[in-house]
Amino acid sequence: MTHLPLTLLRRQKYIQDQLDESAATKKKMFEACSADILKAVDAIFNALNNKKKILLCGNGGSAADSQHMATELVIRMSKPNRPAIPAIALTTDTSMLTAGGNDIGFENIFSRQVEALGNDGDILIAITTSGNSENIIRAINEAKKRGLTVIGFLGKDGGASKNLVDVPIIIPSNDTQRIQEGHITLAHIICGIIEDELFG
């Protein structure tokens, strides 16, 4: 039982350190990301004003962020009784993903869906903490080929995706956890601006 107070202190310090790191990363985002966030918002407004849609993709935690952001757009974030915003997460259909992985390779599971669903003027939001996920890179390339505007939610140095997307938004961190936290904050900021300016 004598180890308990020390364990408790360690845990409390870990909690404090994690919260401090998360807060510090988010504070850095204003200077590092604001200009690109505004570019992304302008691109999304342009698409929505032209009756276009938003596609989203990512792996793992970034898949969850894709689904989260799509839900905020289609259902709502904070504005009740507003019209739906057309958004599709390419990460949710298990039959599509498993057939794609089995038949045409995991590296093609998103690009194939972009080929099927993406139209000129649509938006692709590609979420990758490293910027180097092969299936994301292929989705970006397919989107560009089809005339979509691509917004990258990235981290670290932006990876290979940085120079492929139209608007790279790079969270100023090398820690995957902090990048993921930055991405969902970024999603909420963008959804909030869209809701506020479209629906008052």
N, C-alpha and C. Protein backbone atom coordinates (compact mmCIF):
# COMPACT_ATOMS: atom_id res chain seq x y z
N MET A 1 0.82 -1.21 0.00
CA MET A 1 0.00 0.00 0.00
C MET A 1 0.85 1.27 0.00
N THR A 2 2.13 1.14 0.36
CA THR A 2 2.96 2.35 0.46
C THR A 2 3.21 2.97 -0.91
N HIS A 3 3.06 2.19 -2.00
CA HIS A 3 3.31 2.74 -3.33
C HIS A 3 2.15 3.59 -3.84
N LEU A 4 0.99 3.52 -3.22
CA LEU A 4 -0.20 4.18 -3.74
C LEU A 4 -0.06 5.70 -3.85
N PRO A 5 0.42 6.38 -2.81
CA PRO A 5 0.55 7.84 -2.95
C PRO A 5 1.46 8.23 -4.10
N LEU A 6 2.57 7.51 -4.30
CA LEU A 6 3.48 7.81 -5.39
C LEU A 6 2.80 7.56 -6.74
N THR A 7 2.06 6.45 -6.83
CA THR A 7 1.32 6.15 -8.05
C THR A 7 0.30 7.25 -8.33
N LEU A 8 -0.38 7.68 -7.31
CA LEU A 8 -1.38 8.74 -7.46
C LEU A 8 -0.72 10.03 -7.94
N LEU A 9 0.43 10.37 -7.37
CA LEU A 9 1.14 11.57 -7.80
C LEU A 9 1.57 11.48 -9.25
N ARG A 10 2.06 10.30 -9.65
CA ARG A 10 2.46 10.09 -11.04
C ARG A 10 1.28 10.28 -11.98
N ARG A 11 0.16 9.72 -11.58
CA ARG A 11 -1.03 9.82 -12.43
C ARG A 11 -1.50 11.26 -12.54
N GLN A 12 -1.48 11.96 -11.41
CA GLN A 12 -1.90 13.35 -11.44
C GLN A 12 -0.97 14.19 -12.31
N LYS A 13 0.33 13.91 -12.21
CA LYS A 13 1.29 14.63 -13.05
C LYS A 13 1.06 14.32 -14.52
N TYR A 14 0.78 13.05 -14.83
CA TYR A 14 0.52 12.65 -16.22
C TYR A 14 -0.70 13.39 -16.76
N ILE A 15 -1.75 13.45 -15.95
CA ILE A 15 -2.96 14.17 -16.37
C ILE A 15 -2.64 15.63 -16.65
N GLN A 16 -1.93 16.26 -15.74
CA GLN A 16 -1.59 17.68 -15.90
C GLN A 16 -0.72 17.90 -17.13
N ASP A 17 0.29 17.03 -17.31
CA ASP A 17 1.18 17.17 -18.47
C ASP A 17 0.42 17.03 -19.79
N GLN A 18 -0.49 16.05 -19.84
CA GLN A 18 -1.26 15.84 -21.07
C GLN A 18 -2.15 17.04 -21.38
N LEU A 19 -2.79 17.57 -20.37
CA LEU A 19 -3.65 18.73 -20.58
C LEU A 19 -2.83 19.96 -20.99
N ASP A 20 -1.66 20.13 -20.37
CA ASP A 20 -0.80 21.26 -20.72
C ASP A 20 -0.32 21.15 -22.16
N GLU A 21 0.09 19.94 -22.57
CA GLU A 21 0.57 19.73 -23.94
C GLU A 21 -0.55 19.97 -24.95
N SER A 22 -1.73 19.47 -24.65
CA SER A 22 -2.87 19.65 -25.55
C SER A 22 -3.21 21.13 -25.70
N ALA A 23 -3.25 21.83 -24.59
CA ALA A 23 -3.58 23.26 -24.62
C ALA A 23 -2.51 24.04 -25.38
N ALA A 24 -1.24 23.69 -25.17
CA ALA A 24 -0.15 24.39 -25.85
C ALA A 24 -0.24 24.21 -27.36
N THR A 25 -0.55 22.99 -27.80
CA THR A 25 -0.68 22.73 -29.23
C THR A 25 -1.81 23.55 -29.83
N LYS A 26 -2.93 23.59 -29.15
CA LYS A 26 -4.08 24.34 -29.67
C LYS A 26 -3.80 25.83 -29.72
N LYS A 27 -3.05 26.34 -28.76
CA LYS A 27 -2.69 27.75 -28.81
C LYS A 27 -1.78 28.05 -30.00
N LYS A 28 -0.89 27.12 -30.32
CA LYS A 28 -0.01 27.31 -31.47
C LYS A 28 -0.78 27.28 -32.79
N MET A 29 -1.93 26.61 -32.80
CA MET A 29 -2.71 26.47 -34.03
C MET A 29 -3.18 27.80 -34.58
N PHE A 30 -3.42 28.78 -33.71
CA PHE A 30 -3.94 30.05 -34.22
C PHE A 30 -2.94 30.67 -35.20
N GLU A 31 -1.69 30.76 -34.79
CA GLU A 31 -0.69 31.36 -35.67
C GLU A 31 -0.34 30.45 -36.84
N ALA A 32 -0.25 29.14 -36.57
CA ALA A 32 0.21 28.20 -37.60
C ALA A 32 -0.87 27.88 -38.64
N CYS A 33 -2.13 27.91 -38.25
CA CYS A 33 -3.19 27.35 -39.09
C CYS A 33 -4.27 28.32 -39.54
N SER A 34 -4.37 29.49 -38.93
CA SER A 34 -5.53 30.37 -39.20
C SER A 34 -5.70 30.69 -40.67
N ALA A 35 -4.63 31.05 -41.35
CA ALA A 35 -4.74 31.45 -42.75
C ALA A 35 -5.26 30.30 -43.60
N ASP A 36 -4.77 29.09 -43.33
CA ASP A 36 -5.20 27.93 -44.10
C ASP A 36 -6.62 27.51 -43.73
N ILE A 37 -7.01 27.69 -42.47
CA ILE A 37 -8.39 27.41 -42.09
C ILE A 37 -9.34 28.31 -42.88
N LEU A 38 -9.00 29.57 -43.01
CA LEU A 38 -9.84 30.49 -43.77
C LEU A 38 -9.91 30.10 -45.23
N LYS A 39 -8.81 29.64 -45.80
CA LYS A 39 -8.82 29.17 -47.19
C LYS A 39 -9.73 27.94 -47.33
N ALA A 40 -9.66 27.05 -46.36
CA ALA A 40 -10.50 25.85 -46.39
C ALA A 40 -11.98 26.23 -46.31
N VAL A 41 -12.30 27.15 -45.41
CA VAL A 41 -13.68 27.59 -45.25
C VAL A 41 -14.19 28.21 -46.55
N ASP A 42 -13.37 29.04 -47.19
CA ASP A 42 -13.78 29.66 -48.46
C ASP A 42 -14.04 28.60 -49.53
N ALA A 43 -13.17 27.57 -49.58
CA ALA A 43 -13.35 26.51 -50.57
C ALA A 43 -14.64 25.73 -50.31
N ILE A 44 -14.93 25.47 -49.04
CA ILE A 44 -16.16 24.73 -48.70
C ILE A 44 -17.39 25.57 -49.01
N PHE A 45 -17.36 26.85 -48.67
CA PHE A 45 -18.49 27.73 -49.01
C PHE A 45 -18.72 27.75 -50.51
N ASN A 46 -17.66 27.85 -51.28
CA ASN A 46 -17.79 27.89 -52.73
C ASN A 46 -18.45 26.61 -53.23
N ALA A 47 -18.04 25.47 -52.69
CA ALA A 47 -18.63 24.20 -53.10
C ALA A 47 -20.10 24.13 -52.72
N LEU A 48 -20.42 24.48 -51.49
CA LEU A 48 -21.81 24.39 -51.03
C LEU A 48 -22.72 25.35 -51.80
N ASN A 49 -22.21 26.52 -52.11
CA ASN A 49 -23.00 27.49 -52.88
C ASN A 49 -23.29 26.99 -54.29
N ASN A 50 -22.47 26.06 -54.77
CA ASN A 50 -22.66 25.48 -56.09
C ASN A 50 -23.28 24.09 -56.03
N LYS A 51 -23.95 23.80 -54.89
CA LYS A 51 -24.68 22.55 -54.71
C LYS A 51 -23.78 21.32 -54.78
N LYS A 52 -22.56 21.45 -54.30
CA LYS A 52 -21.61 20.34 -54.28
C LYS A 52 -21.58 19.71 -52.89
N LYS A 53 -20.82 18.65 -52.75
CA LYS A 53 -20.78 17.89 -51.49
C LYS A 53 -19.35 17.76 -50.97
N ILE A 54 -19.26 17.26 -49.76
CA ILE A 54 -17.97 17.08 -49.08
C ILE A 54 -17.77 15.59 -48.83
N LEU A 55 -16.64 15.06 -49.27
CA LEU A 55 -16.22 13.70 -48.97
C LEU A 55 -15.09 13.77 -47.95
N LEU A 56 -15.01 12.77 -47.07
CA LEU A 56 -13.96 12.76 -46.04
C LEU A 56 -13.39 11.36 -45.92
N CYS A 57 -12.08 11.27 -45.66
CA CYS A 57 -11.47 9.96 -45.45
C CYS A 57 -10.27 10.07 -44.51
N GLY A 58 -9.95 8.94 -43.87
CA GLY A 58 -8.82 8.85 -42.96
C GLY A 58 -8.76 7.44 -42.39
N ASN A 59 -7.67 7.10 -41.75
CA ASN A 59 -7.46 5.78 -41.16
C ASN A 59 -7.44 5.86 -39.64
N GLY A 60 -7.97 4.83 -38.99
CA GLY A 60 -7.89 4.76 -37.53
C GLY A 60 -8.60 5.92 -36.86
N GLY A 61 -7.89 6.65 -36.01
CA GLY A 61 -8.47 7.82 -35.36
C GLY A 61 -8.92 8.85 -36.37
N SER A 62 -8.22 8.93 -37.50
CA SER A 62 -8.61 9.87 -38.54
C SER A 62 -9.88 9.43 -39.26
N ALA A 63 -10.13 8.11 -39.28
CA ALA A 63 -11.42 7.62 -39.79
C ALA A 63 -12.54 8.09 -38.87
N ALA A 64 -12.30 7.99 -37.57
CA ALA A 64 -13.30 8.46 -36.60
C ALA A 64 -13.54 9.96 -36.76
N ASP A 65 -12.47 10.72 -37.01
CA ASP A 65 -12.64 12.16 -37.23
C ASP A 65 -13.43 12.44 -38.50
N SER A 66 -13.22 11.63 -39.55
CA SER A 66 -13.98 11.79 -40.79
C SER A 66 -15.47 11.62 -40.51
N GLN A 67 -15.79 10.55 -39.78
CA GLN A 67 -17.19 10.27 -39.46
C GLN A 67 -17.78 11.35 -38.55
N HIS A 68 -17.00 11.79 -37.59
CA HIS A 68 -17.44 12.82 -36.66
C HIS A 68 -17.78 14.10 -37.42
N MET A 69 -16.88 14.53 -38.30
CA MET A 69 -17.10 15.78 -39.02
C MET A 69 -18.27 15.66 -39.99
N ALA A 70 -18.37 14.53 -40.68
CA ALA A 70 -19.50 14.32 -41.59
C ALA A 70 -20.82 14.40 -40.83
N THR A 71 -20.85 13.83 -39.64
CA THR A 71 -22.06 13.86 -38.83
C THR A 71 -22.41 15.28 -38.40
N GLU A 72 -21.41 16.04 -37.99
CA GLU A 72 -21.66 17.43 -37.60
C GLU A 72 -22.26 18.22 -38.76
N LEU A 73 -21.81 17.91 -39.99
CA LEU A 73 -22.30 18.64 -41.16
C LEU A 73 -23.71 18.20 -41.55
N VAL A 74 -23.94 16.90 -41.61
CA VAL A 74 -25.24 16.41 -42.07
C VAL A 74 -26.32 16.62 -41.00
N ILE A 75 -26.04 16.25 -39.77
CA ILE A 75 -27.06 16.34 -38.72
C ILE A 75 -27.11 17.77 -38.16
N ARG A 76 -26.09 18.15 -37.45
CA ARG A 76 -25.92 19.52 -36.96
C ARG A 76 -24.79 19.50 -35.94
N MET A 77 -24.24 20.66 -35.67
CA MET A 77 -23.31 20.79 -34.57
C MET A 77 -23.98 21.55 -33.44
N SER A 78 -24.33 22.82 -33.67
CA SER A 78 -24.94 23.59 -32.59
C SER A 78 -26.16 24.39 -33.02
N LYS A 79 -26.46 24.40 -34.31
CA LYS A 79 -27.62 25.17 -34.79
C LYS A 79 -28.80 24.23 -35.00
N PRO A 80 -29.83 24.33 -34.16
CA PRO A 80 -31.00 23.45 -34.34
C PRO A 80 -31.82 23.85 -35.56
N ASN A 81 -32.50 22.88 -36.13
CA ASN A 81 -33.48 23.11 -37.20
C ASN A 81 -32.88 23.76 -38.44
N ARG A 82 -31.63 23.47 -38.71
CA ARG A 82 -31.02 24.00 -39.93
C ARG A 82 -31.07 22.92 -41.02
N PRO A 83 -30.96 23.32 -42.30
CA PRO A 83 -30.89 22.32 -43.37
C PRO A 83 -29.62 21.47 -43.24
N ALA A 84 -29.68 20.28 -43.78
CA ALA A 84 -28.51 19.40 -43.77
C ALA A 84 -27.47 19.89 -44.78
N ILE A 85 -26.21 19.64 -44.46
CA ILE A 85 -25.10 19.94 -45.36
C ILE A 85 -24.60 18.61 -45.92
N PRO A 86 -24.48 18.47 -47.25
CA PRO A 86 -24.13 17.17 -47.83
C PRO A 86 -22.67 16.77 -47.58
N ALA A 87 -22.48 15.71 -46.82
CA ALA A 87 -21.14 15.22 -46.49
C ALA A 87 -21.19 13.70 -46.35
N ILE A 88 -20.15 13.03 -46.84
CA ILE A 88 -20.09 11.57 -46.80
C ILE A 88 -18.71 11.16 -46.29
N ALA A 89 -18.68 10.39 -45.21
CA ALA A 89 -17.43 9.78 -44.74
C ALA A 89 -17.21 8.48 -45.51
N LEU A 90 -16.07 8.34 -46.14
CA LEU A 90 -15.77 7.16 -46.95
C LEU A 90 -15.22 6.02 -46.10
N THR A 91 -15.43 6.10 -44.80
CA THR A 91 -14.82 5.17 -43.84
C THR A 91 -15.84 4.27 -43.16
N THR A 92 -17.12 4.36 -43.53
CA THR A 92 -18.18 3.78 -42.71
C THR A 92 -18.78 2.49 -43.25
N ASP A 93 -18.63 2.20 -44.52
CA ASP A 93 -19.29 1.04 -45.13
C ASP A 93 -18.36 -0.17 -45.06
N THR A 94 -18.63 -1.07 -44.13
CA THR A 94 -17.71 -2.21 -43.93
C THR A 94 -17.68 -3.14 -45.13
N SER A 95 -18.79 -3.29 -45.83
CA SER A 95 -18.78 -4.12 -47.03
C SER A 95 -17.88 -3.52 -48.10
N MET A 96 -17.99 -2.19 -48.28
CA MET A 96 -17.16 -1.49 -49.25
C MET A 96 -15.68 -1.60 -48.90
N LEU A 97 -15.38 -1.36 -47.62
CA LEU A 97 -13.97 -1.36 -47.20
C LEU A 97 -13.35 -2.75 -47.26
N THR A 98 -14.10 -3.77 -46.85
CA THR A 98 -13.54 -5.12 -46.86
C THR A 98 -13.46 -5.69 -48.27
N ALA A 99 -14.46 -5.42 -49.10
CA ALA A 99 -14.37 -5.84 -50.50
C ALA A 99 -13.22 -5.14 -51.20
N GLY A 100 -13.09 -3.84 -50.94
CA GLY A 100 -11.99 -3.09 -51.54
C GLY A 100 -10.64 -3.62 -51.10
N GLY A 101 -10.50 -3.83 -49.79
CA GLY A 101 -9.24 -4.35 -49.28
C GLY A 101 -8.91 -5.71 -49.85
N ASN A 102 -9.92 -6.55 -49.99
CA ASN A 102 -9.73 -7.91 -50.47
C ASN A 102 -9.50 -7.97 -51.98
N ASP A 103 -10.26 -7.17 -52.74
CA ASP A 103 -10.28 -7.31 -54.19
C ASP A 103 -9.32 -6.38 -54.93
N ILE A 104 -9.16 -5.17 -54.43
CA ILE A 104 -8.32 -4.21 -55.17
C ILE A 104 -7.20 -3.63 -54.31
N GLY A 105 -7.10 -4.07 -53.05
CA GLY A 105 -6.01 -3.63 -52.18
C GLY A 105 -6.41 -2.50 -51.27
N PHE A 106 -5.95 -2.58 -50.02
CA PHE A 106 -6.29 -1.57 -49.02
C PHE A 106 -5.86 -0.17 -49.46
N GLU A 107 -4.81 -0.09 -50.25
CA GLU A 107 -4.32 1.21 -50.70
C GLU A 107 -5.30 1.91 -51.63
N ASN A 108 -6.30 1.18 -52.13
CA ASN A 108 -7.25 1.76 -53.09
C ASN A 108 -8.67 1.94 -52.53
N ILE A 109 -8.87 1.70 -51.22
CA ILE A 109 -10.24 1.70 -50.70
C ILE A 109 -10.89 3.08 -50.75
N PHE A 110 -10.11 4.13 -50.65
CA PHE A 110 -10.69 5.47 -50.70
C PHE A 110 -10.69 6.03 -52.12
N SER A 111 -9.65 5.79 -52.87
CA SER A 111 -9.60 6.32 -54.23
C SER A 111 -10.72 5.76 -55.09
N ARG A 112 -11.07 4.48 -54.86
CA ARG A 112 -12.16 3.87 -55.62
C ARG A 112 -13.48 4.57 -55.31
N GLN A 113 -13.70 4.91 -54.05
CA GLN A 113 -14.93 5.61 -53.68
C GLN A 113 -14.96 7.04 -54.21
N VAL A 114 -13.80 7.68 -54.22
CA VAL A 114 -13.72 9.02 -54.82
C VAL A 114 -14.05 8.93 -56.31
N GLU A 115 -13.54 7.90 -56.97
CA GLU A 115 -13.84 7.69 -58.39
C GLU A 115 -15.35 7.55 -58.60
N ALA A 116 -16.02 6.84 -57.70
CA ALA A 116 -17.45 6.59 -57.84
C ALA A 116 -18.31 7.80 -57.46
N LEU A 117 -17.91 8.51 -56.42
CA LEU A 117 -18.78 9.52 -55.82
C LEU A 117 -18.34 10.96 -56.06
N GLY A 118 -17.06 11.18 -56.36
CA GLY A 118 -16.54 12.53 -56.47
C GLY A 118 -16.83 13.16 -57.82
N ASN A 119 -17.29 14.39 -57.79
CA ASN A 119 -17.57 15.14 -59.01
C ASN A 119 -16.82 16.47 -59.00
N ASP A 120 -16.61 17.01 -60.17
CA ASP A 120 -15.94 18.29 -60.32
C ASP A 120 -16.61 19.33 -59.41
N GLY A 121 -15.81 20.02 -58.61
CA GLY A 121 -16.32 21.04 -57.71
C GLY A 121 -16.61 20.57 -56.30
N ASP A 122 -16.64 19.24 -56.09
CA ASP A 122 -16.79 18.72 -54.73
C ASP A 122 -15.54 19.00 -53.91
N ILE A 123 -15.64 18.72 -52.62
CA ILE A 123 -14.52 18.84 -51.68
C ILE A 123 -14.13 17.45 -51.18
N LEU A 124 -12.84 17.18 -51.09
CA LEU A 124 -12.34 16.03 -50.34
C LEU A 124 -11.55 16.55 -49.15
N ILE A 125 -11.94 16.14 -47.95
CA ILE A 125 -11.13 16.42 -46.76
C ILE A 125 -10.38 15.14 -46.43
N ALA A 126 -9.08 15.18 -46.61
CA ALA A 126 -8.20 14.02 -46.40
C ALA A 126 -7.48 14.20 -45.08
N ILE A 127 -7.70 13.27 -44.15
CA ILE A 127 -7.17 13.41 -42.80
C ILE A 127 -6.09 12.36 -42.56
N THR A 128 -4.88 12.81 -42.30
CA THR A 128 -3.76 11.91 -42.04
C THR A 128 -2.75 12.60 -41.14
N THR A 129 -2.44 12.00 -40.00
CA THR A 129 -1.53 12.65 -39.06
C THR A 129 -0.11 12.75 -39.60
N SER A 130 0.29 11.77 -40.42
CA SER A 130 1.65 11.77 -40.97
C SER A 130 1.72 12.44 -42.33
N GLY A 131 0.61 12.43 -43.05
CA GLY A 131 0.61 12.92 -44.43
C GLY A 131 1.13 11.90 -45.42
N ASN A 132 1.42 10.69 -44.96
CA ASN A 132 2.07 9.70 -45.82
C ASN A 132 1.27 8.41 -46.03
N SER A 133 0.03 8.36 -45.59
CA SER A 133 -0.77 7.15 -45.75
C SER A 133 -1.04 6.92 -47.24
N GLU A 134 -0.70 5.74 -47.74
CA GLU A 134 -0.79 5.48 -49.18
C GLU A 134 -2.22 5.57 -49.68
N ASN A 135 -3.18 5.04 -48.91
CA ASN A 135 -4.56 5.10 -49.41
C ASN A 135 -5.11 6.53 -49.42
N ILE A 136 -4.59 7.38 -48.55
CA ILE A 136 -4.98 8.79 -48.57
C ILE A 136 -4.35 9.50 -49.76
N ILE A 137 -3.08 9.22 -50.01
CA ILE A 137 -2.40 9.84 -51.15
C ILE A 137 -3.10 9.47 -52.46
N ARG A 138 -3.49 8.21 -52.59
CA ARG A 138 -4.19 7.79 -53.81
C ARG A 138 -5.56 8.45 -53.92
N ALA A 139 -6.23 8.61 -52.79
CA ALA A 139 -7.52 9.31 -52.82
C ALA A 139 -7.35 10.77 -53.24
N ILE A 140 -6.30 11.41 -52.73
CA ILE A 140 -6.00 12.79 -53.11
C ILE A 140 -5.75 12.89 -54.61
N ASN A 141 -4.94 11.99 -55.13
CA ASN A 141 -4.62 12.03 -56.56
C ASN A 141 -5.85 11.79 -57.42
N GLU A 142 -6.71 10.87 -57.01
CA GLU A 142 -7.94 10.62 -57.75
C GLU A 142 -8.86 11.84 -57.70
N ALA A 143 -8.93 12.46 -56.52
CA ALA A 143 -9.76 13.66 -56.37
C ALA A 143 -9.27 14.78 -57.27
N LYS A 144 -7.97 15.00 -57.30
CA LYS A 144 -7.41 16.06 -58.15
C LYS A 144 -7.70 15.78 -59.63
N LYS A 145 -7.60 14.52 -60.01
CA LYS A 145 -7.87 14.12 -61.39
C LYS A 145 -9.32 14.41 -61.79
N ARG A 146 -10.22 14.32 -60.82
CA ARG A 146 -11.64 14.49 -61.09
C ARG A 146 -12.14 15.91 -60.82
N GLY A 147 -11.24 16.82 -60.45
CA GLY A 147 -11.62 18.21 -60.28
C GLY A 147 -12.15 18.59 -58.92
N LEU A 148 -11.88 17.76 -57.90
CA LEU A 148 -12.27 18.12 -56.53
C LEU A 148 -11.22 19.05 -55.93
N THR A 149 -11.64 19.89 -55.03
CA THR A 149 -10.71 20.66 -54.21
C THR A 149 -10.39 19.82 -52.98
N VAL A 150 -9.09 19.68 -52.68
CA VAL A 150 -8.67 18.80 -51.59
C VAL A 150 -8.11 19.62 -50.44
N ILE A 151 -8.70 19.41 -49.27
CA ILE A 151 -8.21 20.02 -48.02
C ILE A 151 -7.55 18.92 -47.21
N GLY A 152 -6.32 19.13 -46.80
CA GLY A 152 -5.60 18.14 -46.00
C GLY A 152 -5.55 18.55 -44.54
N PHE A 153 -6.05 17.68 -43.66
CA PHE A 153 -5.82 17.83 -42.23
C PHE A 153 -4.57 17.01 -41.93
N LEU A 154 -3.46 17.67 -41.68
CA LEU A 154 -2.17 17.00 -41.60
C LEU A 154 -1.50 17.29 -40.26
N GLY A 155 -0.30 16.73 -40.08
CA GLY A 155 0.49 16.98 -38.89
C GLY A 155 1.96 16.82 -39.21
N LYS A 156 2.81 16.94 -38.19
CA LYS A 156 4.26 16.81 -38.34
C LYS A 156 4.74 17.79 -39.41
N ASP A 157 5.42 17.30 -40.48
CA ASP A 157 5.87 18.22 -41.53
C ASP A 157 4.92 18.23 -42.72
N GLY A 158 3.78 17.60 -42.59
CA GLY A 158 2.81 17.54 -43.68
C GLY A 158 2.97 16.33 -44.57
N GLY A 159 4.14 15.68 -44.52
CA GLY A 159 4.38 14.49 -45.31
C GLY A 159 4.23 14.72 -46.80
N ALA A 160 4.05 13.63 -47.53
CA ALA A 160 3.90 13.71 -48.99
C ALA A 160 2.62 14.43 -49.38
N SER A 161 1.61 14.39 -48.51
CA SER A 161 0.32 15.01 -48.85
C SER A 161 0.40 16.53 -48.91
N LYS A 162 1.35 17.11 -48.21
CA LYS A 162 1.43 18.57 -48.12
C LYS A 162 1.44 19.22 -49.48
N ASN A 163 2.20 18.66 -50.41
CA ASN A 163 2.35 19.27 -51.73
C ASN A 163 1.34 18.74 -52.74
N LEU A 164 0.46 17.85 -52.32
CA LEU A 164 -0.56 17.29 -53.22
C LEU A 164 -1.91 17.97 -53.05
N VAL A 165 -2.23 18.39 -51.83
CA VAL A 165 -3.54 18.96 -51.56
C VAL A 165 -3.58 20.43 -51.96
N ASP A 166 -4.79 20.97 -52.09
CA ASP A 166 -4.95 22.39 -52.41
C ASP A 166 -4.75 23.26 -51.18
N VAL A 167 -5.26 22.77 -50.04
CA VAL A 167 -5.15 23.53 -48.79
C VAL A 167 -4.62 22.61 -47.70
N PRO A 168 -3.32 22.69 -47.39
CA PRO A 168 -2.79 21.88 -46.29
C PRO A 168 -2.93 22.62 -44.96
N ILE A 169 -3.59 21.98 -44.00
CA ILE A 169 -3.68 22.55 -42.65
C ILE A 169 -2.89 21.62 -41.74
N ILE A 170 -1.74 22.10 -41.28
CA ILE A 170 -0.78 21.25 -40.57
C ILE A 170 -0.77 21.61 -39.09
N ILE A 171 -1.19 20.67 -38.27
CA ILE A 171 -1.17 20.89 -36.82
C ILE A 171 0.29 20.95 -36.36
N PRO A 172 0.66 21.99 -35.60
CA PRO A 172 2.06 22.18 -35.21
C PRO A 172 2.49 21.26 -34.07
N SER A 173 2.62 19.96 -34.40
CA SER A 173 3.05 18.98 -33.40
C SER A 173 3.60 17.76 -34.12
N ASN A 174 4.49 17.04 -33.45
CA ASN A 174 4.98 15.75 -33.94
C ASN A 174 4.37 14.58 -33.18
N ASP A 175 3.49 14.87 -32.23
CA ASP A 175 2.86 13.85 -31.39
C ASP A 175 1.50 13.49 -31.99
N THR A 176 1.31 12.23 -32.34
CA THR A 176 0.07 11.81 -33.01
C THR A 176 -1.16 12.17 -32.19
N GLN A 177 -1.10 11.99 -30.87
CA GLN A 177 -2.25 12.33 -30.03
C GLN A 177 -2.61 13.81 -30.13
N ARG A 178 -1.60 14.66 -30.06
CA ARG A 178 -1.84 16.10 -30.14
C ARG A 178 -2.37 16.48 -31.53
N ILE A 179 -1.85 15.83 -32.56
CA ILE A 179 -2.32 16.11 -33.92
C ILE A 179 -3.80 15.73 -34.05
N GLN A 180 -4.15 14.55 -33.53
CA GLN A 180 -5.55 14.12 -33.60
C GLN A 180 -6.47 15.08 -32.84
N GLU A 181 -6.02 15.53 -31.68
CA GLU A 181 -6.82 16.50 -30.93
C GLU A 181 -6.96 17.80 -31.70
N GLY A 182 -5.88 18.19 -32.36
CA GLY A 182 -5.93 19.39 -33.21
C GLY A 182 -6.89 19.22 -34.36
N HIS A 183 -6.91 18.02 -34.95
CA HIS A 183 -7.80 17.78 -36.10
C HIS A 183 -9.27 17.90 -35.73
N ILE A 184 -9.65 17.34 -34.60
CA ILE A 184 -11.07 17.41 -34.25
C ILE A 184 -11.45 18.84 -33.83
N THR A 185 -10.50 19.56 -33.22
CA THR A 185 -10.75 20.98 -32.93
C THR A 185 -10.91 21.76 -34.22
N LEU A 186 -10.05 21.46 -35.18
CA LEU A 186 -10.13 22.08 -36.51
C LEU A 186 -11.48 21.81 -37.16
N ALA A 187 -11.94 20.55 -37.08
CA ALA A 187 -13.24 20.20 -37.65
C ALA A 187 -14.35 21.00 -37.01
N HIS A 188 -14.31 21.14 -35.69
CA HIS A 188 -15.35 21.89 -34.99
C HIS A 188 -15.31 23.37 -35.37
N ILE A 189 -14.12 23.92 -35.53
CA ILE A 189 -14.00 25.33 -35.94
C ILE A 189 -14.63 25.53 -37.32
N ILE A 190 -14.27 24.68 -38.26
CA ILE A 190 -14.79 24.81 -39.63
C ILE A 190 -16.30 24.63 -39.65
N CYS A 191 -16.79 23.60 -38.98
CA CYS A 191 -18.25 23.37 -38.92
C CYS A 191 -18.95 24.55 -38.27
N GLY A 192 -18.36 25.11 -37.22
CA GLY A 192 -18.96 26.23 -36.53
C GLY A 192 -19.07 27.46 -37.42
N ILE A 193 -18.00 27.76 -38.17
CA ILE A 193 -18.03 28.91 -39.09
C ILE A 193 -19.09 28.69 -40.17
N ILE A 194 -19.13 27.50 -40.72
CA ILE A 194 -20.10 27.20 -41.78
C ILE A 194 -21.52 27.34 -41.26
N GLU A 195 -21.81 26.74 -40.12
CA GLU A 195 -23.15 26.86 -39.54
C GLU A 195 -23.53 28.31 -39.27
N ASP A 196 -22.63 29.04 -38.67
CA ASP A 196 -22.93 30.41 -38.28
C ASP A 196 -23.19 31.29 -39.49
N GLU A 197 -22.35 31.15 -40.53
CA GLU A 197 -22.48 32.05 -41.68
C GLU A 197 -23.58 31.60 -42.65
N LEU A 198 -23.88 30.32 -42.70
CA LEU A 198 -24.95 29.86 -43.59
C LEU A 198 -26.32 30.02 -42.94
N PHE A 199 -26.38 29.80 -41.62
CA PHE A 199 -27.69 29.72 -40.98
C PHE A 199 -27.90 30.71 -39.84
N GLY A 200 -26.91 31.56 -39.59
CA GLY A 200 -27.13 32.67 -38.66
C GLY A 200 -27.02 32.33 -37.20
